[in-house]
C-alpha atoms as a PDB file:
ATOM      1  CA  MET A   1     -90.928-141.976 -86.591  1.00  0.00           C
ATOM      2  CA  ALA A   2     -89.954-142.954 -90.107  1.00  0.00           C
ATOM      3  CA  LYS A   3     -87.373-140.152 -90.131  1.00  0.00           C
ATOM      4  CA  LYS A   4     -85.722-141.456 -86.938  1.00  0.00           C
ATOM      5  CA  LYS A   5     -85.504-144.963 -88.373  1.00  0.00           C
ATOM      6  CA  LYS A   6     -83.906-143.597 -91.533  1.00  0.00           C
ATOM      7  CA  GLN A   7     -81.238-141.743 -89.480  1.00  0.00           C
ATOM      8  CA  SER A   8     -80.646-144.871 -87.396  1.00  0.00           C
ATOM      9  CA  ARG A   9     -80.015-146.945 -90.503  1.00  0.00           C
ATOM     10  CA  LEU A  10     -77.648-144.224 -91.828  1.00  0.00           C
ATOM     11  CA  TRP A  11     -75.642-144.280 -88.611  1.00  0.00           C
ATOM     12  CA  LYS A  12     -75.418-148.074 -88.597  1.00  0.00           C
ATOM     13  CA  LYS A  13     -73.675-148.122 -91.972  1.00  0.00           C
ATOM     14  CA  LEU A  14     -72.124-145.261 -93.897  1.00  0.00           C
ATOM     15  CA  HIS A  15     -70.943-145.690 -97.440  1.00  0.00           C
ATOM     16  CA  ILE A  16     -68.608-143.085 -98.976  1.00  0.00           C
ATOM     17  CA  ALA A  17     -67.795-143.198-102.693  1.00  0.00           C
ATOM     18  CA  VAL A  18     -65.886-140.908-105.072  1.00  0.00           C
ATOM     19  CA  PHE A  19     -66.822-140.713-108.802  1.00  0.00           C
ATOM     20  CA  THR A  20     -65.411-138.849-111.815  1.00  0.00           C
ATOM     21  CA  ASP A  21     -67.371-135.949-113.326  1.00  0.00           C
ATOM     22  CA  ALA A  22     -67.348-137.197-116.926  1.00  0.00           C
ATOM     23  CA  SER A  23     -68.138-140.921-116.731  1.00  0.00           C
ATOM     24  CA  PHE A  24     -69.218-141.269-113.132  1.00  0.00           C
ATOM     25  CA  GLU A  25     -66.647-144.001-112.741  1.00  0.00           C
ATOM     26  CA  GLN A  26     -66.060-144.939-109.107  1.00  0.00           C
ATOM     27  CA  LEU A  27     -62.595-144.000-107.962  1.00  0.00           C
ATOM     28  CA  PHE A  28     -62.762-144.652-104.245  1.00  0.00           C
ATOM     29  CA  SER A  29     -65.259-146.090-101.832  1.00  0.00           C
ATOM     30  CA  LEU A  30     -65.311-146.523 -98.096  1.00  0.00           C
ATOM     31  CA  HIS A  31     -67.747-148.408 -95.900  1.00  0.00           C
ATOM     32  CA  LEU A  32     -67.801-147.170 -92.331  1.00  0.00           C
ATOM     33  CA  THR A  33     -69.509-148.526 -89.303  1.00  0.00           C
ATOM     34  CA  PRO A  34     -70.041-146.387 -86.210  1.00  0.00           C
ATOM     35  CA  PHE A  35     -66.997-147.996 -84.522  1.00  0.00           C
ATOM     36  CA  SER A  36     -64.713-147.605 -87.542  1.00  0.00           C
ATOM     37  CA  ALA A  37     -65.811-144.005 -88.002  1.00  0.00           C
ATOM     38  CA  LEU A  38     -64.979-143.169 -84.388  1.00  0.00           C
ATOM     39  CA  PHE A  39     -61.668-144.993 -84.665  1.00  0.00           C
ATOM     40  CA  THR A  40     -60.779-143.143 -87.855  1.00  0.00           C
ATOM     41  CA  VAL A  41     -61.644-139.761 -86.362  1.00  0.00           C
ATOM     42  CA  ALA A  42     -59.666-140.541 -83.188  1.00  0.00           C
ATOM     43  CA  LEU A  43     -56.654-141.718 -85.232  1.00  0.00           C
ATOM     44  CA  LEU A  44     -56.699-138.577 -87.359  1.00  0.00           C
ATOM     45  CA  GLY A  45     -56.918-136.448 -84.217  1.00  0.00           C
ATOM     46  CA  ILE A  46     -53.943-138.213 -82.632  1.00  0.00           C
ATOM     47  CA  LEU A  47     -51.881-137.860 -85.817  1.00  0.00           C
ATOM     48  CA  LEU A  48     -52.781-134.188 -86.026  1.00  0.00           C
ATOM     49  CA  ILE A  49     -51.782-133.554 -82.392  1.00  0.00           C
ATOM     50  CA  ALA A  50     -48.510-135.492 -82.833  1.00  0.00           C
ATOM     51  CA  GLY A  51     -47.660-133.553 -85.990  1.00  0.00           C
ATOM     52  CA  VAL A  52     -48.317-130.207 -84.350  1.00  0.00           C
ATOM     53  CA  THR A  53     -46.227-131.249 -81.317  1.00  0.00           C
ATOM     54  CA  VAL A  54     -43.276-132.266 -83.509  1.00  0.00           C
ATOM     55  CA  LEU A  55     -43.448-128.999 -85.452  1.00  0.00           C
ATOM     56  CA  ILE A  56     -43.472-126.960 -82.267  1.00  0.00           C
ATOM     57  CA  ALA A  57     -40.718-128.958 -80.525  1.00  0.00           C
ATOM     58  CA  PHE A  58     -38.173-129.246 -83.369  1.00  0.00           C
ATOM     59  CA  THR A  59     -38.769-126.126 -85.473  1.00  0.00           C
ATOM     60  CA  GLY A  60     -38.694-122.386 -84.938  1.00  0.00           C
ATOM     61  CA  LEU A  61     -42.457-122.237 -84.682  1.00  0.00           C
ATOM     62  CA  ARG A  62     -42.241-122.640 -80.913  1.00  0.00           C
ATOM     63  CA  GLU A  63     -40.874-119.102 -80.635  1.00  0.00           C
ATOM     64  CA  TYR A  64     -44.239-117.765 -81.827  1.00  0.00           C
ATOM     65  CA  ILE A  65     -46.043-119.307 -78.858  1.00  0.00           C
ATOM     66  CA  PRO A  66     -46.863-116.610 -76.289  1.00  0.00           C
ATOM     67  CA  GLY A  67     -44.628-116.933 -73.207  1.00  0.00           C
ATOM     68  CA  TYR A  68     -42.010-119.156 -74.876  1.00  0.00           C
ATOM     69  CA  PRO A  69     -38.476-117.551 -74.839  1.00  0.00           C
ATOM     70  CA  THR A  70     -36.672-116.826 -78.088  1.00  0.00           C
ATOM     71  CA  GLY A  71     -33.181-118.056 -78.936  1.00  0.00           C
ATOM     72  CA  ALA A  72     -31.609-114.733 -77.891  1.00  0.00           C
ATOM     73  CA  GLU A  73     -33.459-114.823 -74.596  1.00  0.00           C
ATOM     74  CA  ARG A  74     -32.319-118.389 -73.893  1.00  0.00           C
ATOM     75  CA  ARG A  75     -28.694-117.434 -74.589  1.00  0.00           C
ATOM     76  CA  MET A  76     -29.063-114.461 -72.263  1.00  0.00           C
ATOM     77  CA  ILE A  77     -30.467-116.737 -69.559  1.00  0.00           C
ATOM     78  CA  MET A  78     -27.481-119.119 -69.875  1.00  0.00           C
ATOM     79  CA  ASP A  79     -25.022-116.206 -69.728  1.00  0.00           C
ATOM     80  CA  ASN A  80     -26.722-114.878 -66.613  1.00  0.00           C
ATOM     81  CA  LEU A  81     -26.529-118.316 -64.992  1.00  0.00           C
ATOM     82  CA  GLN A  82     -22.787-118.518 -65.674  1.00  0.00           C
ATOM     83  CA  ARG A  83     -22.228-115.005 -64.350  1.00  0.00           C
ATOM     84  CA  ALA A  84     -24.219-115.753 -61.236  1.00  0.00           C
ATOM     85  CA  ASP A  85     -22.138-118.881 -60.622  1.00  0.00           C
ATOM     86  CA  SER A  86     -18.916-116.871 -61.055  1.00  0.00           C
ATOM     87  CA  LEU A  87     -20.184-114.198 -58.672  1.00  0.00           C
ATOM     88  CA  LEU A  88     -20.972-116.819 -56.054  1.00  0.00           C
ATOM     89  CA  GLY A  89     -17.404-118.134 -56.325  1.00  0.00           C
ATOM     90  CA  GLU A  90     -15.919-114.632 -56.008  1.00  0.00           C
ATOM     91  CA  ILE A  91     -18.127-113.868 -53.018  1.00  0.00           C
ATOM     92  CA  SER A  92     -16.968-117.082 -51.342  1.00  0.00           C
ATOM     93  CA  LEU A  93     -13.298-116.173 -51.894  1.00  0.00           C
ATOM     94  CA  ARG A  94     -13.931-112.665 -50.586  1.00  0.00           C
ATOM     95  CA  ASP A  95     -15.563-114.024 -47.433  1.00  0.00           C
ATOM     96  CA  HIS A  96     -12.558-116.301 -46.787  1.00  0.00           C
ATOM     97  CA  LEU A  97     -10.163-113.387 -47.320  1.00  0.00           C
ATOM     98  CA  ILE A  98     -12.091-111.096 -44.990  1.00  0.00           C
ATOM     99  CA  ASN A  99     -12.184-113.820 -42.350  1.00  0.00           C
ATOM    100  CA  ASP A 100      -8.407-114.347 -42.606  1.00  0.00           C
ATOM    101  CA  MET A 101      -7.790-110.602 -42.366  1.00  0.00           C
ATOM    102  CA  ARG A 102      -9.945-110.417 -39.251  1.00  0.00           C
ATOM    103  CA  ILE A 103      -7.920-113.239 -37.696  1.00  0.00           C
ATOM    104  CA  VAL A 104      -4.623-111.499 -38.512  1.00  0.00           C
ATOM    105  CA  LEU A 105      -5.783-108.094 -37.274  1.00  0.00           C
ATOM    106  CA  SER A 106      -7.149-109.536 -34.062  1.00  0.00           C
ATOM    107  CA  GLU A 107      -3.869-111.451 -33.473  1.00  0.00           C
ATOM    108  CA  ARG A 108      -5.626-114.670 -32.598  1.00  0.00           C
ATOM    109  CA  LEU A 109      -5.254-118.178 -33.940  1.00  0.00           C
ATOM    110  CA  PRO A 110      -8.025-119.805 -35.993  1.00  0.00           C
ATOM    111  CA  ILE A 111      -9.707-122.204 -33.566  1.00  0.00           C
ATOM    112  CA  ASP A 112     -10.839-124.531 -36.337  1.00  0.00           C
ATOM    113  CA  GLU A 113      -7.195-125.344 -37.157  1.00  0.00           C
ATOM    114  CA  TRP A 114      -5.979-125.656 -33.535  1.00  0.00           C
ATOM    115  CA  ASP A 115      -7.580-127.446 -30.684  1.00  0.00           C
ATOM    116  CA  LYS A 116      -8.387-125.480 -27.571  1.00  0.00           C
ATOM    117  CA  ASP A 117      -5.725-127.258 -25.480  1.00  0.00           C
ATOM    118  CA  SER A 118      -2.966-126.249 -27.909  1.00  0.00           C
ATOM    119  CA  VAL A 119      -4.134-122.634 -27.904  1.00  0.00           C
ATOM    120  CA  ALA A 120      -4.203-122.609 -24.123  1.00  0.00           C
ATOM    121  CA  ASN A 121      -0.654-124.037 -23.976  1.00  0.00           C
ATOM    122  CA  VAL A 122       0.614-121.376 -26.367  1.00  0.00           C
ATOM    123  CA  HIS A 123      -1.027-118.663 -24.286  1.00  0.00           C
ATOM    124  CA  ARG A 124       0.501-119.990 -21.071  1.00  0.00           C
ATOM    125  CA  THR A 125       3.937-120.228 -22.679  1.00  0.00           C
ATOM    126  CA  SER A 126       3.761-116.654 -23.947  1.00  0.00           C
ATOM    127  CA  GLN A 127       2.927-115.441 -20.442  1.00  0.00           C
ATOM    128  CA  GLN A 128       5.910-117.150 -18.869  1.00  0.00           C
ATOM    129  CA  HIS A 129       9.019-115.114 -18.099  1.00  0.00           C
ATOM    130  CA  ILE A 130      11.992-116.477 -20.073  1.00  0.00           C
ATOM    131  CA  GLU A 131      15.431-115.976 -18.548  1.00  0.00           C
ATOM    132  CA  PHE A 132      18.770-116.444 -20.304  1.00  0.00           C
ATOM    133  CA  THR A 133      21.903-117.440 -18.454  1.00  0.00           C
ATOM    134  CA  LYS A 134      25.424-116.681 -19.642  1.00  0.00           C
ATOM    135  CA  SER A 135      27.636-119.691 -20.184  1.00  0.00           C
ATOM    136  CA  GLU A 136      31.387-119.775 -19.613  1.00  0.00           C
ATOM    137  CA  ALA A 137      32.082-120.369 -23.317  1.00  0.00           C
ATOM    138  CA  ASP A 138      29.982-117.343 -24.271  1.00  0.00           C
ATOM    139  CA  SER A 139      31.869-115.123 -21.838  1.00  0.00           C
ATOM    140  CA  LEU A 140      35.258-116.259 -23.185  1.00  0.00           C
ATOM    141  CA  PHE A 141      34.123-115.609 -26.746  1.00  0.00           C
ATOM    142  CA  ARG A 142      33.009-112.082 -25.839  1.00  0.00           C
ATOM    143  CA  VAL A 143      36.389-111.325 -24.276  1.00  0.00           C
ATOM    144  CA  GLU A 144      38.222-112.596 -27.371  1.00  0.00           C
ATOM    145  CA  VAL A 145      36.134-110.469 -29.768  1.00  0.00           C
ATOM    146  CA  GLU A 146      36.533-107.347 -27.635  1.00  0.00           C
ATOM    147  CA  ALA A 147      40.311-107.857 -27.535  1.00  0.00           C
ATOM    148  CA  GLN A 148      40.470-108.060 -31.333  1.00  0.00           C
ATOM    149  CA  GLU A 149      38.297-104.949 -31.812  1.00  0.00           C
ATOM    150  CA  MET A 150      40.499-102.865 -29.521  1.00  0.00           C
ATOM    151  CA  TYR A 151      43.037-102.328 -32.328  1.00  0.00           C
ATOM    152  CA  ASN A 152      40.535-101.471 -35.110  1.00  0.00           C
ATOM    153  CA  VAL A 153      40.736 -97.668 -34.983  1.00  0.00           C
ATOM    154  CA  SER A 154      39.230 -95.382 -37.624  1.00  0.00           C
ATOM    155  CA  GLU A 155      42.330 -93.167 -38.042  1.00  0.00           C
ATOM    156  CA  GLY A 156      43.940 -95.557 -40.505  1.00  0.00           C
ATOM    157  CA  GLN A 157      41.008 -95.770 -42.920  1.00  0.00           C
ATOM    158  CA  SER A 158      42.422 -93.190 -45.350  1.00  0.00           C
ATOM    159  CA  ASN A 159      45.764 -95.017 -45.639  1.00  0.00           C
ATOM    160  CA  LEU A 160      43.948 -98.305 -46.190  1.00  0.00           C
ATOM    161  CA  ALA A 161      41.923 -96.726 -48.995  1.00  0.00           C
ATOM    162  CA  ASP A 162      45.101 -95.404 -50.630  1.00  0.00           C
ATOM    163  CA  THR A 163      46.652 -98.860 -50.393  1.00  0.00           C
ATOM    164  CA  ARG A 164      43.654-100.452 -52.106  1.00  0.00           C
ATOM    165  CA  LEU A 165      43.854 -97.796 -54.844  1.00  0.00           C
ATOM    166  CA  GLU A 166      47.539 -98.489 -55.453  1.00  0.00           C
ATOM    167  CA  VAL A 167      47.007-102.197 -56.034  1.00  0.00           C
ATOM    168  CA  LEU A 168      43.758-101.746 -57.980  1.00  0.00           C
ATOM    169  CA  PHE A 169      43.994-103.028 -61.570  1.00  0.00           C
ATOM    170  CA  MET A 170      42.486-100.680 -64.180  1.00  0.00           C
ATOM    171  CA  ASN A 171      41.870-101.375 -67.853  1.00  0.00           C
ATOM    172  CA  THR A 172      43.359 -99.066 -70.450  1.00  0.00           C
ATOM    173  CA  PRO A 173      40.659 -96.770 -71.888  1.00  0.00           C
ATOM    174  CA  LEU A 174      42.617 -96.329 -75.133  1.00  0.00           C
ATOM    175  CA  LYS A 175      46.000 -97.518 -76.375  1.00  0.00           C
ATOM    176  CA  GLY A 176      48.102 -94.699 -77.835  1.00  0.00           C
ATOM    177  CA  VAL A 177      50.673 -91.998 -77.340  1.00  0.00           C
ATOM    178  CA  VAL A 178      50.185 -89.512 -74.508  1.00  0.00           C
ATOM    179  CA  THR A 179      50.627 -86.107 -76.132  1.00  0.00           C
ATOM    180  CA  ASN A 180      49.773 -83.926 -73.138  1.00  0.00           C
ATOM    181  CA  LYS A 181      50.554 -85.174 -69.630  1.00  0.00           C
ATOM    182  CA  PHE A 182      48.793 -84.548 -66.350  1.00  0.00           C
ATOM    183  CA  GLY A 183      49.382 -80.970 -65.046  1.00  0.00           C
ATOM    184  CA  GLU A 184      51.419 -80.023 -68.119  1.00  0.00           C
ATOM    185  CA  PHE A 185      49.628 -76.675 -68.102  1.00  0.00           C
ATOM    186  CA  GLU A 186      47.170 -75.003 -65.759  1.00  0.00           C
ATOM    187  CA  GLY A 187      43.775 -76.632 -65.541  1.00  0.00           C
ATOM    188  CA  HIS A 188      44.858 -79.823 -67.339  1.00  0.00           C
ATOM    189  CA  TYR A 189      43.657 -82.500 -64.900  1.00  0.00           C
ATOM    190  CA  GLY A 190      44.145 -85.498 -67.160  1.00  0.00           C
ATOM    191  CA  VAL A 191      46.092 -86.883 -70.099  1.00  0.00           C
ATOM    192  CA  ASP A 192      45.545 -86.508 -73.846  1.00  0.00           C
ATOM    193  CA  ILE A 193      45.905 -89.694 -75.910  1.00  0.00           C
ATOM    194  CA  ALA A 194      46.282 -89.312 -79.667  1.00  0.00           C
ATOM    195  CA  ALA A 195      44.007 -91.593 -81.705  1.00  0.00           C
ATOM    196  CA  VAL A 196      42.300 -91.896 -85.065  1.00  0.00           C
ATOM    197  CA  GLU A 197      38.680 -90.853 -85.465  1.00  0.00           C
ATOM    198  CA  GLY A 198      36.228 -93.528 -84.239  1.00  0.00           C
ATOM    199  CA  ALA A 199      38.637 -95.557 -82.062  1.00  0.00           C
ATOM    200  CA  ARG A 200      37.075 -97.624 -79.285  1.00  0.00           C
ATOM    201  CA  VAL A 201      37.055 -96.074 -75.786  1.00  0.00           C
ATOM    202  CA  ALA A 202      36.635 -98.522 -72.883  1.00  0.00           C
ATOM    203  CA  SER A 203      35.689 -98.146 -69.225  1.00  0.00           C
ATOM    204  CA  VAL A 204      38.614 -98.575 -66.854  1.00  0.00           C
ATOM    205  CA  LEU A 205      36.495-100.245 -64.111  1.00  0.00           C
ATOM    206  CA  ASP A 206      32.987-101.410 -63.378  1.00  0.00           C
ATOM    207  CA  GLY A 207      30.675 -98.530 -62.597  1.00  0.00           C
ATOM    208  CA  THR A 208      27.593 -96.440 -63.364  1.00  0.00           C
ATOM    209  CA  VAL A 209      27.341 -93.673 -65.952  1.00  0.00           C
ATOM    210  CA  ILE A 210      26.518 -90.451 -64.087  1.00  0.00           C
ATOM    211  CA  PHE A 211      26.928 -88.038 -67.034  1.00  0.00           C
ATOM    212  CA  ALA A 212      26.704 -88.520 -70.794  1.00  0.00           C
ATOM    213  CA  GLU A 213      26.033 -85.235 -72.593  1.00  0.00           C
ATOM    214  CA  TRP A 214      27.397 -82.696 -75.071  1.00  0.00           C
ATOM    215  CA  THR A 215      29.316 -79.688 -73.768  1.00  0.00           C
ATOM    216  CA  VAL A 216      30.524 -76.696 -75.765  1.00  0.00           C
ATOM    217  CA  GLU A 217      34.190 -76.828 -74.735  1.00  0.00           C
ATOM    218  CA  THR A 218      34.812 -80.586 -74.427  1.00  0.00           C
ATOM    219  CA  GLY A 219      32.221 -82.014 -76.853  1.00  0.00           C
ATOM    220  CA  ASN A 220      30.724 -85.422 -76.066  1.00  0.00           C
ATOM    221  CA  VAL A 221      31.632 -86.225 -72.454  1.00  0.00           C
ATOM    222  CA  ILE A 222      30.913 -89.341 -70.409  1.00  0.00           C
ATOM    223  CA  GLN A 223      31.596 -89.721 -66.665  1.00  0.00           C
ATOM    224  CA  ILE A 224      31.521 -93.024 -64.769  1.00  0.00           C
ATOM    225  CA  GLN A 225      31.299 -93.454 -61.001  1.00  0.00           C
ATOM    226  CA  HIS A 226      33.253 -96.468 -59.699  1.00  0.00           C
ATOM    227  CA  ASP A 227      33.691 -98.057 -56.296  1.00  0.00           C
ATOM    228  CA  ASN A 228      36.338 -96.826 -53.819  1.00  0.00           C
ATOM    229  CA  HIS A 229      35.226 -93.202 -54.469  1.00  0.00           C
ATOM    230  CA  LEU A 230      36.780 -93.259 -57.944  1.00  0.00           C
ATOM    231  CA  MET A 231      35.413 -91.418 -60.992  1.00  0.00           C
ATOM    232  CA  SER A 232      36.703 -91.520 -64.575  1.00  0.00           C
ATOM    233  CA  VAL A 233      36.030 -88.868 -67.258  1.00  0.00           C
ATOM    234  CA  TYR A 234      36.275 -89.283 -71.070  1.00  0.00           C
ATOM    235  CA  LYS A 235      36.106 -86.137 -73.262  1.00  0.00           C
ATOM    236  CA  HIS A 236      36.101 -85.027 -76.946  1.00  0.00           C
ATOM    237  CA  ASN A 237      34.353 -88.191 -78.183  1.00  0.00           C
ATOM    238  CA  SER A 238      32.675 -88.355 -81.571  1.00  0.00           C
ATOM    239  CA  LYS A 239      29.868 -90.622 -80.280  1.00  0.00           C
ATOM    240  CA  LEU A 240      28.662 -91.817 -76.875  1.00  0.00           C
ATOM    241  CA  LEU A 241      27.629 -95.485 -76.623  1.00  0.00           C
ATOM    242  CA  LYS A 242      26.130 -95.338 -73.125  1.00  0.00           C
ATOM    243  CA  LYS A 243      23.468 -93.197 -71.480  1.00  0.00           C
ATOM    244  CA  GLN A 244      23.189 -91.733 -68.010  1.00  0.00           C
ATOM    245  CA  GLY A 245      22.178 -94.311 -65.388  1.00  0.00           C
ATOM    246  CA  MET A 246      23.463 -97.339 -67.322  1.00  0.00           C
ATOM    247  CA  ARG A 247      25.719 -99.894 -65.637  1.00  0.00           C
ATOM    248  CA  VAL A 248      29.036-100.687 -67.403  1.00  0.00           C
ATOM    249  CA  THR A 249      31.741-103.273 -66.833  1.00  0.00           C
ATOM    250  CA  ALA A 250      35.520-102.963 -66.995  1.00  0.00           C
ATOM    251  CA  GLY A 251      36.760-103.001 -70.596  1.00  0.00           C
ATOM    252  CA  GLU A 252      33.290-102.378 -72.070  1.00  0.00           C
ATOM    253  CA  ALA A 253      33.068 -99.897 -74.975  1.00  0.00           C
ATOM    254  CA  ILE A 254      31.481 -96.636 -73.851  1.00  0.00           C
ATOM    255  CA  ALA A 255      32.360 -94.155 -76.630  1.00  0.00           C
ATOM    256  CA  LEU A 256      34.242 -93.528 -79.885  1.00  0.00           C
ATOM    257  CA  THR A 257      37.127 -91.065 -80.114  1.00  0.00           C
ATOM    258  CA  GLY A 258      36.663 -87.808 -81.982  1.00  0.00           C
ATOM    259  CA  ASN A 259      37.482 -84.138 -82.236  1.00  0.00           C
ATOM    260  CA  SER A 260      34.386 -82.599 -80.621  1.00  0.00           C
ATOM    261  CA  GLY A 261      34.371 -79.404 -78.549  1.00  0.00           C
ATOM    262  CA  GLU A 262      36.019 -75.998 -78.866  1.00  0.00           C
ATOM    263  CA  LEU A 263      39.124 -77.056 -76.866  1.00  0.00           C
ATOM    264  CA  SER A 264      39.996 -79.904 -79.260  1.00  0.00           C
ATOM    265  CA  THR A 265      42.277 -79.402 -82.288  1.00  0.00           C
ATOM    266  CA  ALA A 266      42.712 -83.025 -83.443  1.00  0.00           C
ATOM    267  CA  PRO A 267      41.152 -86.467 -82.846  1.00  0.00           C
ATOM    268  CA  HIS A 268      42.170 -87.631 -79.378  1.00  0.00           C
ATOM    269  CA  LEU A 269      40.849 -88.737 -75.974  1.00  0.00           C
ATOM    270  CA  HIS A 270      41.146 -86.549 -72.922  1.00  0.00           C
ATOM    271  CA  PHE A 271      41.029 -88.890 -69.910  1.00  0.00           C
ATOM    272  CA  GLU A 272      40.750 -87.863 -66.256  1.00  0.00           C
ATOM    273  CA  LEU A 273      40.799 -89.890 -63.039  1.00  0.00           C
ATOM    274  CA  TRP A 274      39.359 -88.441 -59.810  1.00  0.00           C
ATOM    275  CA  TYR A 275      39.489 -89.816 -56.257  1.00  0.00           C
ATOM    276  CA  GLN A 276      37.339 -88.313 -53.487  1.00  0.00           C
ATOM    277  CA  GLY A 277      37.031 -85.051 -55.434  1.00  0.00           C
ATOM    278  CA  ALA A 278      40.768 -84.697 -56.182  1.00  0.00           C
ATOM    279  CA  PRO A 279      42.401 -85.325 -59.611  1.00  0.00           C
ATOM    280  CA  LEU A 280      44.910 -88.149 -59.977  1.00  0.00           C
ATOM    281  CA  ASN A 281      47.635 -88.680 -62.535  1.00  0.00           C
ATOM    282  CA  PRO A 282      46.251 -91.529 -64.682  1.00  0.00           C
ATOM    283  CA  GLU A 283      49.752 -92.608 -65.736  1.00  0.00           C
ATOM    284  CA  ASN A 284      50.471 -93.664 -62.145  1.00  0.00           C
ATOM    285  CA  TYR A 285      47.773 -96.347 -62.396  1.00  0.00           C
ATOM    286  CA  ILE A 286      47.308 -97.121 -66.110  1.00  0.00           C
ATOM    287  CA  SER A 287      49.674 -97.976 -68.931  1.00  0.00           C
ATOM    288  CA  PHE A 288      48.559 -96.359 -72.197  1.00  0.00           C
ATOM    289  CA  GLU A 289      51.246 -97.881 -74.444  1.00  0.00           C
END
């Protein structure tokens, strides 16, 4: 009984004191009642829980909690979310495209963009038989055109082509003295123009380069196909400035004169002009002086 009373008195008032070892001087003392002791313990518990919560929420310690994702895992989750959103958008676009293709292949109109009455009217119109009647003005116009076409025969096409060739203006490929004329000896299908090494050679007309290569007898050769079935040839050049397949304009530099090839004895330009597979005398169309 006495022991229980002693414990009851101890619980009613608790005195805590701190003394030094040498002089037993009191450094700290605390008087606690049962209420204050419970309050102090509760306050310390709350502070401890709050501190642990802050450490877990705002530091890297939370990654050590079982089941909590790491930083790499969270980044992977965000990337997967973005990819999933992009895939949903692509799938939506694909569905719209497939639906449009089905509409086109089935040759029907999308009902959501047209009302049913409009579709029915279009269908009825397409089923109707449309007849065209000839007017008097149309008949007179037909007669006039047929009368004009009666005199357009194909027999005169060759003469017309020759006439266009005669009046066709050609640029001079190279200014100089003609040393060997067209047909001066057998197999000479052009003219030889004396020039210094490296002189500028120009295209006589607009055209396309169909040949630009080295040959043993005539050296560096370039051939240009023009309109009106014309073709110009430039031989014995020291350097070619254009390649096969390139488009050139009249007066544009295409090569530099030289003395290339076994048939050349001095720097000059051998120039040929061909029309529908037949050689022409260049001096009849071009002035080289």
